[in-house]
């Protein structure tokens, strides 16, 4: 039995996209992307994560899971390796 994750995908350049779990590792709230700060913020308790998934500010102690991505610009197809 595989548990499904909810993802957030952010385009960081015309050819680069990052995919991370959108579930905060603190208490399971859904993080939101802050386009201005280029970070992921948790609205529940204020945790902040980088686009690499690392914790920038607690109370979360564990990073967000980051997924490998492959973008085919010619076909405009993003593949996320689960």
PDB file of N, CA and C in Angstrom:
ATOM      1  N   UNK A   1       0.853  -1.187   0.000  1.00  0.00           N
ATOM      2  CA  UNK A   1       0.000   0.000   0.000  1.00  0.00           C
ATOM      3  C   UNK A   1       0.888   1.236   0.000  1.00  0.00           C
ATOM      4  N   UNK A   2       0.718   2.075  -0.996  1.00  0.00           N
ATOM      5  CA  UNK A   2       1.524   3.288  -1.114  1.00  0.00           C
ATOM      6  C   UNK A   2       0.690   4.487  -0.710  1.00  0.00           C
ATOM      7  N   UNK A   3       1.243   5.308   0.170  1.00  0.00           N
ATOM      8  CA  UNK A   3       0.544   6.518   0.577  1.00  0.00           C
ATOM      9  C   UNK A   3       0.821   7.604  -0.455  1.00  0.00           C
ATOM     10  N   UNK A   4      -0.214   8.244  -0.939  1.00  0.00           N
ATOM     11  CA  UNK A   4      -0.055   9.309  -1.913  1.00  0.00           C
ATOM     12  C   UNK A   4       0.294  10.606  -1.208  1.00  0.00           C
ATOM     13  N   UNK A   5       1.098  11.417  -1.885  1.00  0.00           N
ATOM     14  CA  UNK A   5       1.504  12.709  -1.350  1.00  0.00           C
ATOM     15  C   UNK A   5       0.797  13.791  -2.157  1.00  0.00           C
ATOM     16  N   UNK A   6       0.651  14.949  -1.588  1.00  0.00           N
ATOM     17  CA  UNK A   6       0.154  16.108  -2.302  1.00  0.00           C
ATOM     18  C   UNK A   6       1.366  16.960  -2.629  1.00  0.00           C
ATOM     19  N   UNK A   7       1.472  17.385  -3.884  1.00  0.00           N
ATOM     20  CA  UNK A   7       2.671  18.075  -4.327  1.00  0.00           C
ATOM     21  C   UNK A   7       2.414  19.534  -4.661  1.00  0.00           C
ATOM     22  N   UNK A   8       3.479  20.309  -4.553  1.00  0.00           N
ATOM     23  CA  UNK A   8       3.495  21.664  -5.073  1.00  0.00           C
ATOM     24  C   UNK A   8       4.625  21.692  -6.102  1.00  0.00           C
ATOM     25  N   UNK A   9       4.332  22.252  -7.279  1.00  0.00           N
ATOM     26  CA  UNK A   9       5.311  22.335  -8.354  1.00  0.00           C
ATOM     27  C   UNK A   9       5.567  23.809  -8.635  1.00  0.00           C
ATOM     28  N   UNK A  10       6.854  24.171  -8.639  1.00  0.00           N
ATOM     29  CA  UNK A  10       7.242  25.569  -8.846  1.00  0.00           C
ATOM     30  C   UNK A  10       8.194  25.626 -10.027  1.00  0.00           C
ATOM     31  N   UNK A  11       7.899  26.514 -10.960  1.00  0.00           N
ATOM     32  CA  UNK A  11       8.792  26.731 -12.103  1.00  0.00           C
ATOM     33  C   UNK A  11       9.824  27.772 -11.679  1.00  0.00           C
ATOM     34  N   UNK A  12      11.104  27.374 -11.654  1.00  0.00           N
ATOM     35  CA  UNK A  12      12.165  28.265 -11.198  1.00  0.00           C
ATOM     36  C   UNK A  12      12.914  28.922 -12.353  1.00  0.00           C
ATOM     37  N   UNK A  13      12.742  28.391 -13.553  1.00  0.00           N
ATOM     38  CA  UNK A  13      13.305  28.979 -14.772  1.00  0.00           C
ATOM     39  C   UNK A  13      12.480  28.442 -15.931  1.00  0.00           C
ATOM     40  N   UNK A  14      12.698  28.945 -17.145  1.00  0.00           N
ATOM     41  CA  UNK A  14      11.905  28.431 -18.275  1.00  0.00           C
ATOM     42  C   UNK A  14      12.025  26.918 -18.477  1.00  0.00           C
ATOM     43  N   UNK A  15      13.127  26.325 -18.046  1.00  0.00           N
ATOM     44  CA  UNK A  15      13.332  24.895 -18.274  1.00  0.00           C
ATOM     45  C   UNK A  15      13.454  24.077 -16.995  1.00  0.00           C
ATOM     46  N   UNK A  16      13.297  24.706 -15.824  1.00  0.00           N
ATOM     47  CA  UNK A  16      13.468  23.995 -14.552  1.00  0.00           C
ATOM     48  C   UNK A  16      12.221  24.115 -13.690  1.00  0.00           C
ATOM     49  N   UNK A  17      11.758  22.963 -13.207  1.00  0.00           N
ATOM     50  CA  UNK A  17      10.635  22.922 -12.276  1.00  0.00           C
ATOM     51  C   UNK A  17      11.033  22.052 -11.095  1.00  0.00           C
ATOM     52  N   UNK A  18      10.602  22.446  -9.905  1.00  0.00           N
ATOM     53  CA  UNK A  18      10.849  21.641  -8.721  1.00  0.00           C
ATOM     54  C   UNK A  18       9.512  21.140  -8.188  1.00  0.00           C
ATOM     55  N   UNK A  19       9.524  19.923  -7.659  1.00  0.00           N
ATOM     56  CA  UNK A  19       8.325  19.319  -7.081  1.00  0.00           C
ATOM     57  C   UNK A  19       8.653  18.900  -5.654  1.00  0.00           C
ATOM     58  N   UNK A  20       7.822  19.354  -4.734  1.00  0.00           N
ATOM     59  CA  UNK A  20       8.001  19.051  -3.313  1.00  0.00           C
ATOM     60  C   UNK A  20       6.667  18.630  -2.718  1.00  0.00           C
ATOM     61  N   UNK A  21       6.737  17.892  -1.613  1.00  0.00           N
ATOM     62  CA  UNK A  21       5.526  17.616  -0.853  1.00  0.00           C
ATOM     63  C   UNK A  21       4.959  18.954  -0.390  1.00  0.00           C
ATOM     64  N   UNK A  22       3.665  19.116  -0.479  1.00  0.00           N
ATOM     65  CA  UNK A  22       3.044  20.356  -0.006  1.00  0.00           C
ATOM     66  C   UNK A  22       2.527  20.222   1.425  1.00  0.00           C
ATOM     67  N   UNK A  23       2.856  19.088   2.074  1.00  0.00           N
ATOM     68  CA  UNK A  23       2.374  18.828   3.432  1.00  0.00           C
ATOM     69  C   UNK A  23       3.476  19.158   4.437  1.00  0.00           C
ATOM     70  N   UNK A  24       3.224  20.143   5.286  1.00  0.00           N
ATOM     71  CA  UNK A  24       4.198  20.562   6.285  1.00  0.00           C
ATOM     72  C   UNK A  24       4.546  19.391   7.196  1.00  0.00           C
ATOM     73  N   UNK A  25       5.842  19.243   7.469  1.00  0.00           N
ATOM     74  CA  UNK A  25       6.305  18.135   8.306  1.00  0.00           C
ATOM     75  C   UNK A  25       6.034  18.363   9.789  1.00  0.00           C
ATOM     76  N   UNK A  26       5.544  19.541  10.151  1.00  0.00           N
ATOM     77  CA  UNK A  26       5.246  19.819  11.563  1.00  0.00           C
ATOM     78  C   UNK A  26       3.936  19.168  11.975  1.00  0.00           C
ATOM     79  N   UNK A  27       2.818  19.628  11.377  1.00  0.00           N
ATOM     80  CA  UNK A  27       1.522  19.050  11.755  1.00  0.00           C
ATOM     81  C   UNK A  27       0.594  18.806  10.578  1.00  0.00           C
ATOM     82  N   UNK A  28       1.165  18.745   9.377  1.00  0.00           N
ATOM     83  CA  UNK A  28       0.380  18.299   8.226  1.00  0.00           C
ATOM     84  C   UNK A  28      -0.446  19.340   7.508  1.00  0.00           C
ATOM     85  N   UNK A  29      -0.260  20.620   7.794  1.00  0.00           N
ATOM     86  CA  UNK A  29      -0.981  21.650   7.046  1.00  0.00           C
ATOM     87  C   UNK A  29      -0.389  21.767   5.644  1.00  0.00           C
ATOM     88  N   UNK A  30      -1.127  22.356   4.731  1.00  0.00           N
ATOM     89  CA  UNK A  30      -0.640  22.507   3.362  1.00  0.00           C
ATOM     90  C   UNK A  30       0.137  23.820   3.226  1.00  0.00           C
ATOM     91  N   UNK A  31       1.396  23.685   2.781  1.00  0.00           N
ATOM     92  CA  UNK A  31       2.234  24.871   2.596  1.00  0.00           C
ATOM     93  C   UNK A  31       1.810  25.617   1.343  1.00  0.00           C
ATOM     94  N   UNK A  32       2.184  26.886   1.297  1.00  0.00           N
ATOM     95  CA  UNK A  32       1.849  27.739   0.150  1.00  0.00           C
ATOM     96  C   UNK A  32       3.118  28.395  -0.362  1.00  0.00           C
ATOM     97  N   UNK A  33       3.199  28.513  -1.676  1.00  0.00           N
ATOM     98  CA  UNK A  33       4.374  29.127  -2.300  1.00  0.00           C
ATOM     99  C   UNK A  33       4.285  30.642  -2.220  1.00  0.00           C
ATOM    100  N   UNK A  34       5.345  31.265  -1.754  1.00  0.00           N
ATOM    101  CA  UNK A  34       5.460  32.726  -1.713  1.00  0.00           C
ATOM    102  C   UNK A  34       6.354  33.135  -2.881  1.00  0.00           C
ATOM    103  N   UNK A  35       5.737  33.621  -3.937  1.00  0.00           N
ATOM    104  CA  UNK A  35       6.450  33.975  -5.167  1.00  0.00           C
ATOM    105  C   UNK A  35       7.475  35.082  -4.923  1.00  0.00           C
ATOM    106  N   UNK A  36       7.157  36.037  -4.071  1.00  0.00           N
ATOM    107  CA  UNK A  36       8.060  37.154  -3.796  1.00  0.00           C
ATOM    108  C   UNK A  36       9.317  36.677  -3.075  1.00  0.00           C
ATOM    109  N   UNK A  37       9.143  35.883  -2.027  1.00  0.00           N
ATOM    110  CA  UNK A  37      10.275  35.405  -1.240  1.00  0.00           C
ATOM    111  C   UNK A  37      10.902  34.136  -1.774  1.00  0.00           C
ATOM    112  N   UNK A  38      10.218  33.495  -2.754  1.00  0.00           N
ATOM    113  CA  UNK A  38      10.669  32.220  -3.316  1.00  0.00           C
ATOM    114  C   UNK A  38      10.875  31.161  -2.233  1.00  0.00           C
ATOM    115  N   UNK A  39       9.903  31.078  -1.325  1.00  0.00           N
ATOM    116  CA  UNK A  39       9.908  30.099  -0.238  1.00  0.00           C
ATOM    117  C   UNK A  39       8.513  29.492  -0.117  1.00  0.00           C
ATOM    118  N   UNK A  40       8.426  28.407   0.645  1.00  0.00           N
ATOM    119  CA  UNK A  40       7.146  27.779   0.954  1.00  0.00           C
ATOM    120  C   UNK A  40       6.838  28.053   2.414  1.00  0.00           C
ATOM    121  N   UNK A  41       5.662  28.614   2.666  1.00  0.00           N
ATOM    122  CA  UNK A  41       5.253  28.981   4.020  1.00  0.00           C
ATOM    123  C   UNK A  41       4.093  28.114   4.474  1.00  0.00           C
ATOM    124  N   UNK A  42       4.120  27.747   5.753  1.00  0.00           N
ATOM    125  CA  UNK A  42       2.998  27.027   6.346  1.00  0.00           C
ATOM    126  C   UNK A  42       2.116  28.046   7.067  1.00  0.00           C
ATOM    127  N   UNK A  43       0.853  28.163   6.665  1.00  0.00           N
ATOM    128  CA  UNK A  43      -0.030  29.148   7.286  1.00  0.00           C
ATOM    129  C   UNK A  43      -0.466  28.780   8.705  1.00  0.00           C
ATOM    130  N   UNK A  44      -0.283  27.532   9.115  1.00  0.00           N
ATOM    131  CA  UNK A  44      -0.775  27.096  10.431  1.00  0.00           C
ATOM    132  C   UNK A  44       0.122  27.540  11.579  1.00  0.00           C
ATOM    133  N   UNK A  45       1.432  27.306  11.458  1.00  0.00           N
ATOM    134  CA  UNK A  45       2.322  27.597  12.584  1.00  0.00           C
ATOM    135  C   UNK A  45       3.574  28.364  12.187  1.00  0.00           C
ATOM    136  N   UNK A  46       3.658  28.806  10.917  1.00  0.00           N
ATOM    137  CA  UNK A  46       4.733  29.693  10.502  1.00  0.00           C
ATOM    138  C   UNK A  46       6.019  29.048  10.023  1.00  0.00           C
ATOM    139  N   UNK A  47       6.033  27.729   9.837  1.00  0.00           N
ATOM    140  CA  UNK A  47       7.247  27.107   9.301  1.00  0.00           C
ATOM    141  C   UNK A  47       7.509  27.639   7.895  1.00  0.00           C
ATOM    142  N   UNK A  48       8.783  27.677   7.534  1.00  0.00           N
ATOM    143  CA  UNK A  48       9.185  28.165   6.220  1.00  0.00           C
ATOM    144  C   UNK A  48      10.218  27.205   5.651  1.00  0.00           C
ATOM    145  N   UNK A  49      10.075  26.901   4.350  1.00  0.00           N
ATOM    146  CA  UNK A  49      10.940  25.945   3.668  1.00  0.00           C
ATOM    147  C   UNK A  49      11.518  26.562   2.395  1.00  0.00           C
ATOM    148  N   UNK A  50      12.741  26.151   2.063  1.00  0.00           N
ATOM    149  CA  UNK A  50      13.360  26.580   0.809  1.00  0.00           C
ATOM    150  C   UNK A  50      12.802  25.738  -0.338  1.00  0.00           C
ATOM    151  N   UNK A  51      13.119  26.123  -1.570  1.00  0.00           N
ATOM    152  CA  UNK A  51      12.693  25.330  -2.720  1.00  0.00           C
ATOM    153  C   UNK A  51      13.473  24.026  -2.834  1.00  0.00           C
ATOM    154  N   UNK A  52      14.493  23.863  -2.007  1.00  0.00           N
ATOM    155  CA  UNK A  52      15.197  22.575  -1.918  1.00  0.00           C
ATOM    156  C   UNK A  52      14.518  21.677  -0.878  1.00  0.00           C
ATOM    157  N   UNK A  53      13.537  22.225  -0.155  1.00  0.00           N
ATOM    158  CA  UNK A  53      12.806  21.469   0.860  1.00  0.00           C
ATOM    159  C   UNK A  53      13.313  21.667   2.266  1.00  0.00           C
ATOM    160  N   UNK A  54      14.475  22.300   2.430  1.00  0.00           N
ATOM    161  CA  UNK A  54      15.060  22.434   3.770  1.00  0.00           C
ATOM    162  C   UNK A  54      14.288  23.429   4.630  1.00  0.00           C
ATOM    163  N   UNK A  55      14.333  23.200   5.932  1.00  0.00           N
ATOM    164  CA  UNK A  55      13.644  24.059   6.890  1.00  0.00           C
ATOM    165  C   UNK A  55      14.434  25.361   7.048  1.00  0.00           C
ATOM    166  N   UNK A  56      13.771  26.477   6.795  1.00  0.00           N
ATOM    167  CA  UNK A  56      14.378  27.792   7.008  1.00  0.00           C
ATOM    168  C   UNK A  56      13.961  28.365   8.352  1.00  0.00           C
ATOM    169  N   UNK A  57      12.747  27.980   8.795  1.00  0.00           N
ATOM    170  CA  UNK A  57      12.236  28.446  10.095  1.00  0.00           C
ATOM    171  C   UNK A  57      11.258  27.403  10.617  1.00  0.00           C
ATOM    172  N   UNK A  58      11.354  27.099  11.899  1.00  0.00           N
ATOM    173  CA  UNK A  58      10.478  26.125  12.545  1.00  0.00           C
ATOM    174  C   UNK A  58       9.127  26.719  12.866  1.00  0.00           C
ATOM    175  N   UNK A  59       8.286  25.912  13.483  1.00  0.00           N
ATOM    176  CA  UNK A  59       8.590  24.758  14.320  1.00  0.00           C
ATOM    177  C   UNK A  59       8.879  23.440  13.584  1.00  0.00           C
ATOM    178  N   UNK A  60       8.680  23.358  12.281  1.00  0.00           N
ATOM    179  CA  UNK A  60       9.006  22.112  11.580  1.00  0.00           C
ATOM    180  C   UNK A  60      10.488  21.810  11.759  1.00  0.00           C
ATOM    181  N   UNK A  61      10.804  20.532  11.983  1.00  0.00           N
ATOM    182  CA  UNK A  61      12.196  20.128  12.166  1.00  0.00           C
ATOM    183  C   UNK A  61      12.704  19.300  10.989  1.00  0.00           C
ATOM    184  N   UNK A  62      11.788  18.745  10.206  1.00  0.00           N
ATOM    185  CA  UNK A  62      12.167  17.888   9.077  1.00  0.00           C
ATOM    186  C   UNK A  62      11.885  18.600   7.761  1.00  0.00           C
ATOM    187  N   UNK A  63      12.716  18.348   6.746  1.00  0.00           N
ATOM    188  CA  UNK A  63      12.513  18.988   5.446  1.00  0.00           C
ATOM    189  C   UNK A  63      11.299  18.416   4.719  1.00  0.00           C
ATOM    190  N   UNK A  64      10.818  19.166   3.729  1.00  0.00           N
ATOM    191  CA  UNK A  64       9.790  18.657   2.835  1.00  0.00           C
ATOM    192  C   UNK A  64      10.439  17.647   1.896  1.00  0.00           C
ATOM    193  N   UNK A  65       9.710  16.619   1.520  1.00  0.00           N
ATOM    194  CA  UNK A  65      10.234  15.648   0.571  1.00  0.00           C
ATOM    195  C   UNK A  65      10.315  16.310  -0.805  1.00  0.00           C
ATOM    196  N   UNK A  66      11.464  16.159  -1.455  1.00  0.00           N
ATOM    197  CA  UNK A  66      11.660  16.707  -2.800  1.00  0.00           C
ATOM    198  C   UNK A  66      11.655  15.554  -3.791  1.00  0.00           C
ATOM    199  N   UNK A  67      10.984  15.756  -4.913  1.00  0.00           N
ATOM    200  CA  UNK A  67      10.869  14.734  -5.946  1.00  0.00           C
ATOM    201  C   UNK A  67      11.724  15.132  -7.148  1.00  0.00           C
ATOM    202  N   UNK A  68      12.341  14.130  -7.771  1.00  0.00           N
ATOM    203  CA  UNK A  68      13.104  14.365  -8.995  1.00  0.00           C
ATOM    204  C   UNK A  68      12.125  14.704 -10.125  1.00  0.00           C
ATOM    205  N   UNK A  69      12.504  15.674 -10.953  1.00  0.00           N
ATOM    206  CA  UNK A  69      11.665  16.059 -12.077  1.00  0.00           C
ATOM    207  C   UNK A  69      12.476  16.018 -13.365  1.00  0.00           C
ATOM    208  N   UNK A  70      11.770  15.829 -14.460  1.00  0.00           N
ATOM    209  CA  UNK A  70      12.379  15.898 -15.784  1.00  0.00           C
ATOM    210  C   UNK A  70      11.388  16.641 -16.669  1.00  0.00           C
ATOM    211  N   UNK A  71      11.858  17.740 -17.280  1.00  0.00           N
ATOM    212  CA  UNK A  71      10.982  18.570 -18.110  1.00  0.00           C
ATOM    213  C   UNK A  71      11.423  18.476 -19.554  1.00  0.00           C
ATOM    214  N   UNK A  72      10.505  18.082 -20.417  1.00  0.00           N
ATOM    215  CA  UNK A  72      10.744  18.039 -21.860  1.00  0.00           C
ATOM    216  C   UNK A  72      10.132  19.304 -22.451  1.00  0.00           C
ATOM    217  N   UNK A  73      10.999  20.280 -22.718  1.00  0.00           N
ATOM    218  CA  UNK A  73      10.518  21.584 -23.178  1.00  0.00           C
ATOM    219  C   UNK A  73       9.840  21.497 -24.540  1.00  0.00           C
ATOM    220  N   UNK A  74      10.388  20.664 -25.428  1.00  0.00           N
ATOM    221  CA  UNK A  74       9.812  20.517 -26.771  1.00  0.00           C
ATOM    222  C   UNK A  74       8.383  20.006 -26.747  1.00  0.00           C
ATOM    223  N   UNK A  75       8.120  19.060 -25.844  1.00  0.00           N
ATOM    224  CA  UNK A  75       6.770  18.486 -25.743  1.00  0.00           C
ATOM    225  C   UNK A  75       5.968  19.160 -24.636  1.00  0.00           C
ATOM    226  N   UNK A  76       6.613  20.035 -23.846  1.00  0.00           N
ATOM    227  CA  UNK A  76       5.960  20.702 -22.728  1.00  0.00           C
ATOM    228  C   UNK A  76       5.357  19.697 -21.752  1.00  0.00           C
ATOM    229  N   UNK A  77       6.198  18.692 -21.379  1.00  0.00           N
ATOM    230  CA  UNK A  77       5.752  17.627 -20.484  1.00  0.00           C
ATOM    231  C   UNK A  77       6.690  17.560 -19.291  1.00  0.00           C
ATOM    232  N   UNK A  78       6.106  17.570 -18.107  1.00  0.00           N
ATOM    233  CA  UNK A  78       6.859  17.424 -16.869  1.00  0.00           C
ATOM    234  C   UNK A  78       6.634  16.009 -16.334  1.00  0.00           C
ATOM    235  N   UNK A  79       7.733  15.306 -16.045  1.00  0.00           N
ATOM    236  CA  UNK A  79       7.660  13.992 -15.424  1.00  0.00           C
ATOM    237  C   UNK A  79       8.180  14.119 -14.003  1.00  0.00           C
ATOM    238  N   UNK A  80       7.401  13.626 -13.051  1.00  0.00           N
ATOM    239  CA  UNK A  80       7.795  13.643 -11.630  1.00  0.00           C
ATOM    240  C   UNK A  80       8.003  12.202 -11.203  1.00  0.00           C
ATOM    241  N   UNK A  81       9.216  11.899 -10.725  1.00  0.00           N
ATOM    242  CA  UNK A  81       9.531  10.544 -10.305  1.00  0.00           C
ATOM    243  C   UNK A  81       9.084  10.354  -8.854  1.00  0.00           C
ATOM    244  N   UNK A  82       8.104   9.476  -8.656  1.00  0.00           N
ATOM    245  CA  UNK A  82       7.586   9.211  -7.327  1.00  0.00           C
ATOM    246  C   UNK A  82       8.345   8.057  -6.717  1.00  0.00           C
TER     247      UNK A  82
END
